């Protein structure tokens, strides 16, 4: 009986650890391949501008990019917010209904 109970507790601990690891990973995930929280403005801008149109920049503080989102499988406006030496602090994705996947998520 004790062996079964200890086995169940052990299994519960393993699943809890996996769940916590998933939470930690989602907190550092940006939804943009090659970009992670804490990256510098210059690093993120270089990666994002390869496949997206940067539509607005506030040097060193943030920018908005429009393009195809692999996470959402549609066109998105994505906002990147930075805080000094701490780098990237926030990423926000919004639908971009004015863009079309058939036009490569670019303005006509």
Protein backbone atom coordinates (compact mmCIF):
# COMPACT_ATOMS: atom_id res chain seq x y z
CA UNK A 1 0.00 0.00 0.00
CA UNK A 2 2.78 2.45 0.93
CA UNK A 3 4.63 1.60 -2.29
CA UNK A 4 1.56 2.38 -4.38
CA UNK A 5 0.97 5.64 -2.53
CA UNK A 6 4.63 6.68 -2.90
CA UNK A 7 4.46 5.84 -6.61
CA UNK A 8 1.40 8.04 -7.01
CA UNK A 9 3.08 10.93 -5.17
CA UNK A 10 6.17 10.51 -7.34
CA UNK A 11 4.08 10.57 -10.50
CA UNK A 12 2.22 13.67 -9.31
CA UNK A 13 5.54 15.43 -8.61
CA UNK A 14 6.83 14.61 -12.10
CA UNK A 15 3.68 16.02 -13.73
CA UNK A 16 3.87 19.14 -11.54
CA UNK A 17 7.49 19.69 -12.57
CA UNK A 18 6.57 19.32 -16.25
CA UNK A 19 3.72 21.80 -15.79
CA UNK A 20 5.99 24.35 -14.11
CA UNK A 21 8.58 23.98 -16.85
CA UNK A 22 5.85 24.69 -19.40
CA UNK A 23 4.87 27.85 -17.52
CA UNK A 24 8.46 29.06 -17.38
CA UNK A 25 8.88 28.40 -21.09
CA UNK A 26 5.70 30.29 -22.00
CA UNK A 27 6.87 33.31 -20.01
CA UNK A 28 10.03 33.56 -22.14
CA UNK A 29 8.29 32.72 -25.41
CA UNK A 30 7.46 35.57 -27.77
CA UNK A 31 5.65 33.69 -30.51
CA UNK A 32 8.30 34.93 -32.95
CA UNK A 33 10.96 32.41 -34.05
CA UNK A 34 14.47 33.57 -33.16
CA UNK A 35 13.30 36.19 -30.65
CA UNK A 36 13.30 35.75 -26.89
CA UNK A 37 12.60 37.98 -23.93
CA UNK A 38 15.60 40.03 -22.86
CA UNK A 39 17.03 40.30 -26.40
CA UNK A 40 18.29 43.75 -27.35
CA UNK A 41 16.38 46.18 -29.56
CA UNK A 42 18.93 45.77 -32.35
CA UNK A 43 18.83 41.94 -32.21
CA UNK A 44 15.04 41.77 -32.34
CA UNK A 45 14.76 44.40 -35.07
CA UNK A 46 17.28 42.51 -37.23
CA UNK A 47 15.41 39.19 -36.85
CA UNK A 48 11.89 40.59 -37.23
CA UNK A 49 12.64 42.83 -40.21
CA UNK A 50 13.76 39.83 -42.30
CA UNK A 51 10.22 38.52 -42.78
CA UNK A 52 8.00 41.41 -41.65
CA UNK A 53 7.37 45.03 -42.54
CA UNK A 54 8.38 47.33 -39.68
CA UNK A 55 5.70 50.01 -39.77
CA UNK A 56 6.60 52.15 -36.77
CA UNK A 57 9.79 52.56 -34.70
CA UNK A 58 10.60 54.40 -31.50
CA UNK A 59 14.37 53.95 -31.35
CA UNK A 60 15.44 51.80 -28.44
CA UNK A 61 11.95 51.66 -26.93
CA UNK A 62 9.74 49.68 -29.27
CA UNK A 63 8.44 49.00 -32.73
CA UNK A 64 5.48 47.56 -34.61
CA UNK A 65 5.84 44.98 -37.36
CA UNK A 66 3.26 43.51 -39.72
CA UNK A 67 3.55 40.10 -41.29
CA UNK A 68 2.61 36.44 -41.22
CA UNK A 69 2.47 34.82 -37.78
CA UNK A 70 3.49 31.16 -37.66
CA UNK A 71 1.85 30.91 -34.25
CA UNK A 72 -1.57 32.19 -35.33
CA UNK A 73 -1.35 31.12 -39.01
CA UNK A 74 -2.56 34.54 -40.24
CA UNK A 75 -1.44 38.14 -40.70
CA UNK A 76 -0.69 40.00 -37.46
CA UNK A 77 0.51 43.34 -36.19
CA UNK A 78 3.08 42.62 -33.52
CA UNK A 79 4.29 45.16 -30.96
CA UNK A 80 7.72 44.80 -29.33
CA UNK A 81 8.36 46.82 -26.15
CA UNK A 82 11.85 47.24 -24.65
CA UNK A 83 13.15 48.60 -21.36
CA UNK A 84 16.73 49.87 -21.41
CA UNK A 85 19.43 47.34 -20.59
CA UNK A 86 16.79 44.70 -19.72
CA UNK A 87 15.97 44.32 -23.43
CA UNK A 88 12.69 42.95 -24.75
CA UNK A 89 10.01 42.99 -22.05
CA UNK A 90 6.69 42.58 -23.86
CA UNK A 91 5.35 41.23 -27.15
CA UNK A 92 1.75 41.76 -28.19
CA UNK A 93 0.04 40.24 -31.24
CA UNK A 94 -3.09 41.72 -32.80
CA UNK A 95 -5.09 40.59 -35.83
CA UNK A 96 -4.37 42.56 -39.01
CA UNK A 97 -7.58 42.23 -41.05
CA UNK A 98 -6.32 44.84 -43.54
CA UNK A 99 -3.60 42.37 -44.65
CA UNK A 100 -4.06 39.21 -46.67
CA UNK A 101 -2.11 35.96 -46.53
CA UNK A 102 -2.59 35.64 -50.31
CA UNK A 103 -0.65 38.94 -50.68
CA UNK A 104 2.07 37.72 -48.34
CA UNK A 105 0.70 39.90 -45.51
CA UNK A 106 1.79 43.06 -47.32
CA UNK A 107 -0.18 46.19 -48.21
CA UNK A 108 -1.29 46.18 -51.87
